[in-house]
Full PDB file with SEQRES, HELIX, SHEET, SSBOND, CRYST1, ORIGX, SCALE, CONECT and MASTER records, all heavy atoms in Angstrom:
SEQRES   1 A   30  ASN LEU ALA LEU ILE ARG ASP PRO GLU LEU ARG ASP GLN          
SEQRES   2 A   30  ILE ALA ARG VAL TYR ASN ASN THR GLU ARG TRP GLU GLY          
SEQRES   3 A   30  THR ALA GLU VAL                                              
HELIX    1 AA1 LEU A    2  LEU A    4  5                                   3    
HELIX    2 AA2 PRO A    8  GLU A   29  1                                  22    
CRYST1    1.000    1.000    1.000  90.00  90.00  90.00 P 1           1          
ORIGX1      1.000000  0.000000  0.000000        0.00000                         
ORIGX2      0.000000  1.000000  0.000000        0.00000                         
ORIGX3      0.000000  0.000000  1.000000        0.00000                         
SCALE1      1.000000  0.000000  0.000000        0.00000                         
SCALE2      0.000000  1.000000  0.000000        0.00000                         
SCALE3      0.000000  0.000000  1.000000        0.00000                         
ATOM      1  N   ASN A   1      -3.656 -78.160 -50.602  1.00  0.00           N  
ATOM      2  CA  ASN A   1      -2.350 -78.497 -50.017  1.00  0.00           C  
ATOM      3  C   ASN A   1      -1.994 -79.969 -50.056  1.00  0.00           C  
ATOM      4  O   ASN A   1      -0.842 -80.378 -49.808  1.00  0.00           O  
ATOM      5  CB  ASN A   1      -2.306 -78.092 -48.480  1.00  0.00           C  
ATOM      6  CG  ASN A   1      -2.202 -76.566 -48.309  1.00  0.00           C  
ATOM      7  OD1 ASN A   1      -1.727 -75.868 -49.152  1.00  0.00           O  
ATOM      8  ND2 ASN A   1      -2.599 -76.125 -47.168  1.00  0.00           N  
ATOM      9  N   LEU A   2      -3.003 -80.828 -50.609  1.00  0.00           N  
ATOM     10  CA  LEU A   2      -2.659 -82.242 -50.804  1.00  0.00           C  
ATOM     11  C   LEU A   2      -1.566 -82.293 -51.856  1.00  0.00           C  
ATOM     12  O   LEU A   2      -0.815 -83.240 -51.907  1.00  0.00           O  
ATOM     13  CB  LEU A   2      -3.931 -82.988 -51.221  1.00  0.00           C  
ATOM     14  CG  LEU A   2      -3.940 -84.495 -51.368  1.00  0.00           C  
ATOM     15  CD1 LEU A   2      -3.564 -85.005 -49.939  1.00  0.00           C  
ATOM     16  CD2 LEU A   2      -5.173 -84.966 -51.842  1.00  0.00           C  
ATOM     17  N   ALA A   3      -1.518 -81.401 -52.750  1.00  0.00           N  
ATOM     18  CA  ALA A   3      -0.504 -81.378 -53.759  1.00  0.00           C  
ATOM     19  C   ALA A   3       0.901 -81.098 -53.274  1.00  0.00           C  
ATOM     20  O   ALA A   3       1.819 -81.396 -53.956  1.00  0.00           O  
ATOM     21  CB  ALA A   3      -0.852 -80.293 -54.821  1.00  0.00           C  
ATOM     22  N   LEU A   4       1.008 -80.706 -52.017  1.00  0.00           N  
ATOM     23  CA  LEU A   4       2.317 -80.486 -51.369  1.00  0.00           C  
ATOM     24  C   LEU A   4       3.016 -81.740 -51.158  1.00  0.00           C  
ATOM     25  O   LEU A   4       4.329 -81.765 -50.991  1.00  0.00           O  
ATOM     26  CB  LEU A   4       2.246 -79.591 -50.124  1.00  0.00           C  
ATOM     27  CG  LEU A   4       1.862 -78.227 -50.198  1.00  0.00           C  
ATOM     28  CD1 LEU A   4       1.596 -77.598 -48.876  1.00  0.00           C  
ATOM     29  CD2 LEU A   4       2.891 -77.430 -51.010  1.00  0.00           C  
ATOM     30  N   ILE A   5       2.285 -82.868 -51.058  1.00  0.00           N  
ATOM     31  CA  ILE A   5       2.934 -84.153 -50.934  1.00  0.00           C  
ATOM     32  C   ILE A   5       3.634 -84.498 -52.209  1.00  0.00           C  
ATOM     33  O   ILE A   5       2.925 -84.790 -53.130  1.00  0.00           O  
ATOM     34  CB  ILE A   5       1.939 -85.149 -50.459  1.00  0.00           C  
ATOM     35  CG1 ILE A   5       1.251 -84.719 -49.083  1.00  0.00           C  
ATOM     36  CG2 ILE A   5       2.529 -86.579 -50.216  1.00  0.00           C  
ATOM     37  CD1 ILE A   5       0.125 -85.562 -48.677  1.00  0.00           C  
ATOM     38  N   ARG A   6       4.920 -84.716 -52.129  1.00  0.00           N  
ATOM     39  CA  ARG A   6       5.690 -84.878 -53.448  1.00  0.00           C  
ATOM     40  C   ARG A   6       5.438 -86.292 -53.947  1.00  0.00           C  
ATOM     41  O   ARG A   6       5.439 -86.468 -55.225  1.00  0.00           O  
ATOM     42  CB  ARG A   6       7.192 -84.654 -53.114  1.00  0.00           C  
ATOM     43  CG  ARG A   6       7.536 -83.324 -52.855  1.00  0.00           C  
ATOM     44  CD  ARG A   6       8.936 -83.228 -52.328  1.00  0.00           C  
ATOM     45  NE  ARG A   6       9.131 -83.751 -50.993  1.00  0.00           N  
ATOM     46  CZ  ARG A   6      10.148 -83.999 -50.317  1.00  0.00           C  
ATOM     47  NH1 ARG A   6      11.290 -83.558 -50.924  1.00  0.00           N  
ATOM     48  NH2 ARG A   6      10.281 -84.437 -49.127  1.00  0.00           N  
ATOM     49  N   ASP A   7       5.376 -87.287 -53.168  1.00  0.00           N  
ATOM     50  CA  ASP A   7       5.183 -88.704 -53.624  1.00  0.00           C  
ATOM     51  C   ASP A   7       3.667 -88.919 -54.159  1.00  0.00           C  
ATOM     52  O   ASP A   7       2.819 -88.922 -53.305  1.00  0.00           O  
ATOM     53  CB  ASP A   7       5.430 -89.643 -52.416  1.00  0.00           C  
ATOM     54  CG  ASP A   7       5.478 -91.129 -52.826  1.00  0.00           C  
ATOM     55  OD1 ASP A   7       4.756 -91.432 -53.874  1.00  0.00           O  
ATOM     56  OD2 ASP A   7       6.140 -91.901 -52.221  1.00  0.00           O  
ATOM     57  N   PRO A   8       3.568 -89.089 -55.448  1.00  0.00           N  
ATOM     58  CA  PRO A   8       2.197 -89.184 -56.004  1.00  0.00           C  
ATOM     59  C   PRO A   8       1.521 -90.506 -55.459  1.00  0.00           C  
ATOM     60  O   PRO A   8       0.296 -90.472 -55.359  1.00  0.00           O  
ATOM     61  CB  PRO A   8       2.440 -89.216 -57.552  1.00  0.00           C  
ATOM     62  CG  PRO A   8       3.818 -89.715 -57.676  1.00  0.00           C  
ATOM     63  CD  PRO A   8       4.599 -89.166 -56.477  1.00  0.00           C  
ATOM     64  N   GLU A   9       2.269 -91.602 -55.233  1.00  0.00           N  
ATOM     65  CA  GLU A   9       1.571 -92.868 -54.731  1.00  0.00           C  
ATOM     66  C   GLU A   9       1.063 -92.623 -53.326  1.00  0.00           C  
ATOM     67  O   GLU A   9      -0.104 -93.084 -53.077  1.00  0.00           O  
ATOM     68  CB  GLU A   9       2.597 -94.007 -54.820  1.00  0.00           C  
ATOM     69  CG  GLU A   9       3.019 -94.374 -56.210  1.00  0.00           C  
ATOM     70  CD  GLU A   9       3.958 -95.577 -56.212  1.00  0.00           C  
ATOM     71  OE1 GLU A   9       4.256 -96.054 -55.143  1.00  0.00           O  
ATOM     72  OE2 GLU A   9       4.309 -95.949 -57.347  1.00  0.00           O  
ATOM     73  N   LEU A  10       1.840 -91.839 -52.475  1.00  0.00           N  
ATOM     74  CA  LEU A  10       1.397 -91.688 -51.130  1.00  0.00           C  
ATOM     75  C   LEU A  10       0.165 -90.729 -51.231  1.00  0.00           C  
ATOM     76  O   LEU A  10      -0.843 -90.904 -50.426  1.00  0.00           O  
ATOM     77  CB  LEU A  10       2.399 -91.056 -50.293  1.00  0.00           C  
ATOM     78  CG  LEU A  10       2.107 -90.694 -48.871  1.00  0.00           C  
ATOM     79  CD1 LEU A  10       1.593 -91.953 -48.110  1.00  0.00           C  
ATOM     80  CD2 LEU A  10       3.323 -90.046 -48.162  1.00  0.00           C  
ATOM     81  N   ARG A  11       0.205 -89.690 -52.043  1.00  0.00           N  
ATOM     82  CA  ARG A  11      -0.871 -88.769 -52.206  1.00  0.00           C  
ATOM     83  C   ARG A  11      -2.186 -89.459 -52.656  1.00  0.00           C  
ATOM     84  O   ARG A  11      -3.265 -89.190 -52.069  1.00  0.00           O  
ATOM     85  CB  ARG A  11      -0.503 -87.657 -53.201  1.00  0.00           C  
ATOM     86  CG  ARG A  11      -1.522 -86.559 -53.210  1.00  0.00           C  
ATOM     87  CD  ARG A  11      -0.812 -85.366 -54.057  1.00  0.00           C  
ATOM     88  NE  ARG A  11      -0.521 -85.733 -55.385  1.00  0.00           N  
ATOM     89  CZ  ARG A  11       0.714 -85.697 -55.993  1.00  0.00           C  
ATOM     90  NH1 ARG A  11       1.755 -85.339 -55.262  1.00  0.00           N  
ATOM     91  NH2 ARG A  11       0.965 -86.026 -57.192  1.00  0.00           N  
ATOM     92  N   ASP A  12      -2.032 -90.369 -53.569  1.00  0.00           N  
ATOM     93  CA  ASP A  12      -3.172 -91.190 -54.054  1.00  0.00           C  
ATOM     94  C   ASP A  12      -3.756 -92.106 -52.940  1.00  0.00           C  
ATOM     95  O   ASP A  12      -4.962 -92.341 -52.850  1.00  0.00           O  
ATOM     96  CB  ASP A  12      -2.844 -91.903 -55.303  1.00  0.00           C  
ATOM     97  CG  ASP A  12      -2.589 -91.133 -56.492  1.00  0.00           C  
ATOM     98  OD1 ASP A  12      -2.954 -89.877 -56.480  1.00  0.00           O  
ATOM     99  OD2 ASP A  12      -2.020 -91.588 -57.508  1.00  0.00           O  
ATOM    100  N   GLN A  13      -2.837 -92.677 -52.226  1.00  0.00           N  
ATOM    101  CA  GLN A  13      -3.228 -93.657 -51.124  1.00  0.00           C  
ATOM    102  C   GLN A  13      -3.997 -92.901 -50.038  1.00  0.00           C  
ATOM    103  O   GLN A  13      -5.029 -93.309 -49.658  1.00  0.00           O  
ATOM    104  CB  GLN A  13      -1.999 -94.323 -50.567  1.00  0.00           C  
ATOM    105  CG  GLN A  13      -2.346 -95.341 -49.471  1.00  0.00           C  
ATOM    106  CD  GLN A  13      -1.095 -96.036 -48.944  1.00  0.00           C  
ATOM    107  OE1 GLN A  13       0.081 -95.553 -49.211  1.00  0.00           O  
ATOM    108  NE2 GLN A  13      -1.225 -96.984 -48.099  1.00  0.00           N  
ATOM    109  N   ILE A  14      -3.610 -91.650 -49.831  1.00  0.00           N  
ATOM    110  CA  ILE A  14      -4.283 -90.882 -48.796  1.00  0.00           C  
ATOM    111  C   ILE A  14      -5.745 -90.608 -49.211  1.00  0.00           C  
ATOM    112  O   ILE A  14      -6.730 -90.759 -48.499  1.00  0.00           O  
ATOM    113  CB  ILE A  14      -3.571 -89.601 -48.403  1.00  0.00           C  
ATOM    114  CG1 ILE A  14      -2.265 -89.835 -47.742  1.00  0.00           C  
ATOM    115  CG2 ILE A  14      -4.358 -88.634 -47.702  1.00  0.00           C  
ATOM    116  CD1 ILE A  14      -1.415 -88.620 -47.625  1.00  0.00           C  
ATOM    117  N   ALA A  15      -5.871 -90.167 -50.455  1.00  0.00           N  
ATOM    118  CA  ALA A  15      -7.142 -89.785 -50.944  1.00  0.00           C  
ATOM    119  C   ALA A  15      -8.024 -91.052 -51.061  1.00  0.00           C  
ATOM    120  O   ALA A  15      -9.264 -90.938 -50.761  1.00  0.00           O  
ATOM    121  CB  ALA A  15      -6.966 -89.173 -52.350  1.00  0.00           C  
ATOM    122  N   ARG A  16      -7.442 -92.230 -51.440  1.00  0.00           N  
ATOM    123  CA  ARG A  16      -8.243 -93.419 -51.587  1.00  0.00           C  
ATOM    124  C   ARG A  16      -8.788 -93.884 -50.228  1.00  0.00           C  
ATOM    125  O   ARG A  16     -10.041 -94.267 -50.123  1.00  0.00           O  
ATOM    126  CB  ARG A  16      -7.435 -94.534 -52.200  1.00  0.00           C  
ATOM    127  CG  ARG A  16      -8.047 -95.815 -52.549  1.00  0.00           C  
ATOM    128  CD  ARG A  16      -7.309 -96.750 -53.335  1.00  0.00           C  
ATOM    129  NE  ARG A  16      -6.064 -97.104 -52.638  1.00  0.00           N  
ATOM    130  CZ  ARG A  16      -4.873 -96.666 -52.970  1.00  0.00           C  
ATOM    131  NH1 ARG A  16      -4.657 -95.784 -53.964  1.00  0.00           N  
ATOM    132  NH2 ARG A  16      -3.788 -97.101 -52.328  1.00  0.00           N  
ATOM    133  N   VAL A  17      -8.056 -93.800 -49.270  1.00  0.00           N  
ATOM    134  CA  VAL A  17      -8.393 -94.242 -47.917  1.00  0.00           C  
ATOM    135  C   VAL A  17      -9.487 -93.466 -47.345  1.00  0.00           C  
ATOM    136  O   VAL A  17     -10.630 -93.944 -46.841  1.00  0.00           O  
ATOM    137  CB  VAL A  17      -7.284 -94.310 -46.882  1.00  0.00           C  
ATOM    138  CG1 VAL A  17      -7.803 -94.549 -45.430  1.00  0.00           C  
ATOM    139  CG2 VAL A  17      -6.289 -95.405 -47.213  1.00  0.00           C  
ATOM    140  N   TYR A  18      -9.356 -92.084 -47.450  1.00  0.00           N  
ATOM    141  CA  TYR A  18     -10.549 -91.305 -46.988  1.00  0.00           C  
ATOM    142  C   TYR A  18     -11.693 -91.283 -47.820  1.00  0.00           C  
ATOM    143  O   TYR A  18     -12.803 -91.259 -47.347  1.00  0.00           O  
ATOM    144  CB  TYR A  18      -9.889 -89.863 -46.874  1.00  0.00           C  
ATOM    145  CG  TYR A  18      -9.148 -89.528 -45.624  1.00  0.00           C  
ATOM    146  CD1 TYR A  18      -7.885 -89.661 -45.591  1.00  0.00           C  
ATOM    147  CD2 TYR A  18      -9.800 -89.131 -44.490  1.00  0.00           C  
ATOM    148  CE1 TYR A  18      -7.068 -89.436 -44.315  1.00  0.00           C  
ATOM    149  CE2 TYR A  18      -9.117 -88.833 -43.188  1.00  0.00           C  
ATOM    150  CZ  TYR A  18      -7.699 -88.966 -43.240  1.00  0.00           C  
ATOM    151  OH  TYR A  18      -7.066 -88.767 -42.063  1.00  0.00           O  
ATOM    152  N   ASN A  19     -11.543 -91.515 -49.012  1.00  0.00           N  
ATOM    153  CA  ASN A  19     -12.840 -91.577 -49.920  1.00  0.00           C  
ATOM    154  C   ASN A  19     -13.523 -93.001 -49.581  1.00  0.00           C  
ATOM    155  O   ASN A  19     -14.724 -93.011 -49.517  1.00  0.00           O  
ATOM    156  CB  ASN A  19     -12.338 -91.565 -51.373  1.00  0.00           C  
ATOM    157  CG  ASN A  19     -12.013 -90.229 -51.816  1.00  0.00           C  
ATOM    158  OD1 ASN A  19     -12.368 -89.225 -51.250  1.00  0.00           O  
ATOM    159  ND2 ASN A  19     -11.242 -90.076 -52.923  1.00  0.00           N  
ATOM    160  N   ASN A  20     -12.768 -93.959 -49.329  1.00  0.00           N  
ATOM    161  CA  ASN A  20     -13.358 -95.292 -48.943  1.00  0.00           C  
ATOM    162  C   ASN A  20     -14.038 -95.180 -47.617  1.00  0.00           C  
ATOM    163  O   ASN A  20     -15.245 -95.757 -47.402  1.00  0.00           O  
ATOM    164  CB  ASN A  20     -12.260 -96.385 -48.869  1.00  0.00           C  
ATOM    165  CG  ASN A  20     -11.955 -96.931 -50.266  1.00  0.00           C  
ATOM    166  OD1 ASN A  20     -12.597 -96.650 -51.214  1.00  0.00           O  
ATOM    167  ND2 ASN A  20     -10.757 -97.471 -50.406  1.00  0.00           N  
ATOM    168  N   THR A  21     -13.440 -94.348 -46.745  1.00  0.00           N  
ATOM    169  CA  THR A  21     -14.130 -94.062 -45.395  1.00  0.00           C  
ATOM    170  C   THR A  21     -15.522 -93.524 -45.543  1.00  0.00           C  
ATOM    171  O   THR A  21     -16.418 -93.889 -44.928  1.00  0.00           O  
ATOM    172  CB  THR A  21     -13.190 -93.193 -44.505  1.00  0.00           C  
ATOM    173  OG1 THR A  21     -11.909 -93.918 -44.316  1.00  0.00           O  
ATOM    174  CG2 THR A  21     -13.859 -92.884 -43.174  1.00  0.00           C  
ATOM    175  N   GLU A  22     -15.514 -92.527 -46.410  1.00  0.00           N  
ATOM    176  CA  GLU A  22     -16.810 -91.819 -46.572  1.00  0.00           C  
ATOM    177  C   GLU A  22     -17.846 -92.727 -47.246  1.00  0.00           C  
ATOM    178  O   GLU A  22     -19.020 -92.725 -46.875  1.00  0.00           O  
ATOM    179  CB  GLU A  22     -16.520 -90.583 -47.493  1.00  0.00           C  
ATOM    180  CG  GLU A  22     -17.749 -89.605 -47.616  1.00  0.00           C  
ATOM    181  CD  GLU A  22     -17.408 -88.427 -48.366  1.00  0.00           C  
ATOM    182  OE1 GLU A  22     -16.248 -88.400 -49.051  1.00  0.00           O  
ATOM    183  OE2 GLU A  22     -18.233 -87.508 -48.260  1.00  0.00           O  
ATOM    184  N   ARG A  23     -17.389 -93.481 -48.135  1.00  0.00           N  
ATOM    185  CA  ARG A  23     -18.318 -94.473 -48.867  1.00  0.00           C  
ATOM    186  C   ARG A  23     -18.799 -95.514 -47.885  1.00  0.00           C  
ATOM    187  O   ARG A  23     -19.968 -95.793 -47.885  1.00  0.00           O  
ATOM    188  CB  ARG A  23     -17.591 -95.150 -49.994  1.00  0.00           C  
ATOM    189  CG  ARG A  23     -18.480 -96.148 -50.778  1.00  0.00           C  
ATOM    190  CD  ARG A  23     -17.803 -96.598 -52.092  1.00  0.00           C  
ATOM    191  NE  ARG A  23     -16.474 -97.236 -51.798  1.00  0.00           N  
ATOM    192  CZ  ARG A  23     -16.287 -98.533 -51.536  1.00  0.00           C  
ATOM    193  NH1 ARG A  23     -17.331 -99.230 -51.496  1.00  0.00           N  
ATOM    194  NH2 ARG A  23     -15.086 -98.993 -51.349  1.00  0.00           N  
ATOM    195  N   TRP A  24     -18.037 -96.042 -47.117  1.00  0.00           N  
ATOM    196  CA  TRP A  24     -18.428 -97.176 -46.163  1.00  0.00           C  
ATOM    197  C   TRP A  24     -19.374 -96.502 -45.042  1.00  0.00           C  
ATOM    198  O   TRP A  24     -20.231 -97.243 -44.612  1.00  0.00           O  
ATOM    199  CB  TRP A  24     -17.214 -97.782 -45.551  1.00  0.00           C  
ATOM    200  CG  TRP A  24     -16.495 -98.734 -46.582  1.00  0.00           C  
ATOM    201  CD1 TRP A  24     -17.042 -99.262 -47.705  1.00  0.00           C  
ATOM    202  CD2 TRP A  24     -15.116 -99.156 -46.433  1.00  0.00           C  
ATOM    203  NE1 TRP A  24     -16.194 -99.984 -48.404  1.00  0.00           N  
ATOM    204  CE2 TRP A  24     -15.003 -99.952 -47.621  1.00  0.00           C  
ATOM    205  CE3 TRP A  24     -14.130 -98.949 -45.625  1.00  0.00           C  
ATOM    206  CZ2 TRP A  24     -13.790-100.536 -48.052  1.00  0.00           C  
ATOM    207  CZ3 TRP A  24     -12.965 -99.517 -45.944  1.00  0.00           C  
ATOM    208  CH2 TRP A  24     -12.703-100.313 -47.160  1.00  0.00           C  
ATOM    209  N   GLU A  25     -19.026 -95.349 -44.633  1.00  0.00           N  
ATOM    210  CA  GLU A  25     -19.948 -94.741 -43.653  1.00  0.00           C  
ATOM    211  C   GLU A  25     -21.437 -94.527 -44.253  1.00  0.00           C  
ATOM    212  O   GLU A  25     -22.427 -94.730 -43.612  1.00  0.00           O  
ATOM    213  CB  GLU A  25     -19.381 -93.427 -43.178  1.00  0.00           C  
ATOM    214  CG  GLU A  25     -18.205 -93.560 -42.222  1.00  0.00           C  
ATOM    215  CD  GLU A  25     -17.543 -92.250 -41.895  1.00  0.00           C  
ATOM    216  OE1 GLU A  25     -17.772 -91.270 -42.661  1.00  0.00           O  
ATOM    217  OE2 GLU A  25     -16.725 -92.189 -40.957  1.00  0.00           O  
ATOM    218  N   GLY A  26     -21.393 -94.112 -45.521  1.00  0.00           N  
ATOM    219  CA  GLY A  26     -22.682 -94.075 -46.215  1.00  0.00           C  
ATOM    220  C   GLY A  26     -23.426 -95.424 -46.322  1.00  0.00           C  
ATOM    221  O   GLY A  26     -24.594 -95.484 -46.121  1.00  0.00           O  
ATOM    222  N   THR A  27     -22.611 -96.416 -46.523  1.00  0.00           N  
ATOM    223  CA  THR A  27     -23.087 -97.782 -46.708  1.00  0.00           C  
ATOM    224  C   THR A  27     -23.738 -98.267 -45.419  1.00  0.00           C  
ATOM    225  O   THR A  27     -24.835 -98.840 -45.252  1.00  0.00           O  
ATOM    226  CB  THR A  27     -22.114 -98.774 -47.194  1.00  0.00           C  
ATOM    227  OG1 THR A  27     -21.584 -98.419 -48.382  1.00  0.00           O  
ATOM    228  CG2 THR A  27     -22.642-100.200 -47.190  1.00  0.00           C  
ATOM    229  N   ALA A  28     -23.198 -97.977 -44.283  1.00  0.00           N  
ATOM    230  CA  ALA A  28     -23.581 -98.388 -42.889  1.00  0.00           C  
ATOM    231  C   ALA A  28     -24.857 -97.620 -42.624  1.00  0.00           C  
ATOM    232  O   ALA A  28     -25.814 -98.174 -42.034  1.00  0.00           O  
ATOM    233  CB  ALA A  28     -22.492 -98.012 -41.890  1.00  0.00           C  
ATOM    234  N   GLU A  29     -24.952 -96.292 -43.045  1.00  0.00           N  
ATOM    235  CA  GLU A  29     -26.211 -95.630 -42.670  1.00  0.00           C  
ATOM    236  C   GLU A  29     -27.433 -96.139 -43.511  1.00  0.00           C  
ATOM    237  O   GLU A  29     -28.515 -96.209 -43.102  1.00  0.00           O  
ATOM    238  CB  GLU A  29     -25.916 -94.102 -42.967  1.00  0.00           C  
ATOM    239  CG  GLU A  29     -27.210 -93.215 -42.614  1.00  0.00           C  
ATOM    240  CD  GLU A  29     -26.736 -91.778 -42.785  1.00  0.00           C  
ATOM    241  OE1 GLU A  29     -25.606 -91.383 -43.088  1.00  0.00           O  
ATOM    242  OE2 GLU A  29     -27.671 -90.871 -42.471  1.00  0.00           O  
ATOM    243  N   VAL A  30     -27.089 -96.357 -44.841  1.00  0.00           N  
ATOM    244  CA  VAL A  30     -28.133 -96.852 -45.605  1.00  0.00           C  
ATOM    245  C   VAL A  30     -28.756 -98.223 -45.241  1.00  0.00           C  
ATOM    246  O   VAL A  30     -29.963 -98.481 -45.318  1.00  0.00           O  
ATOM    247  CB  VAL A  30     -27.618 -97.047 -47.060  1.00  0.00           C  
ATOM    248  CG1 VAL A  30     -28.605 -97.826 -47.964  1.00  0.00           C  
ATOM    249  CG2 VAL A  30     -27.411 -95.691 -47.768  1.00  0.00           C  
TER     250      VAL A  30                                                      
MASTER        0    0    0    2    0    0    0    6  249    1    0    3          
END                                                                             
């Protein structure tokens, strides 16, 4: 359903923020 967002820049921004969140949480744990 992420593809339902018509604006590709907004769609990419959403994915980037959440992916960074996961990466930083992993960094904190390590």
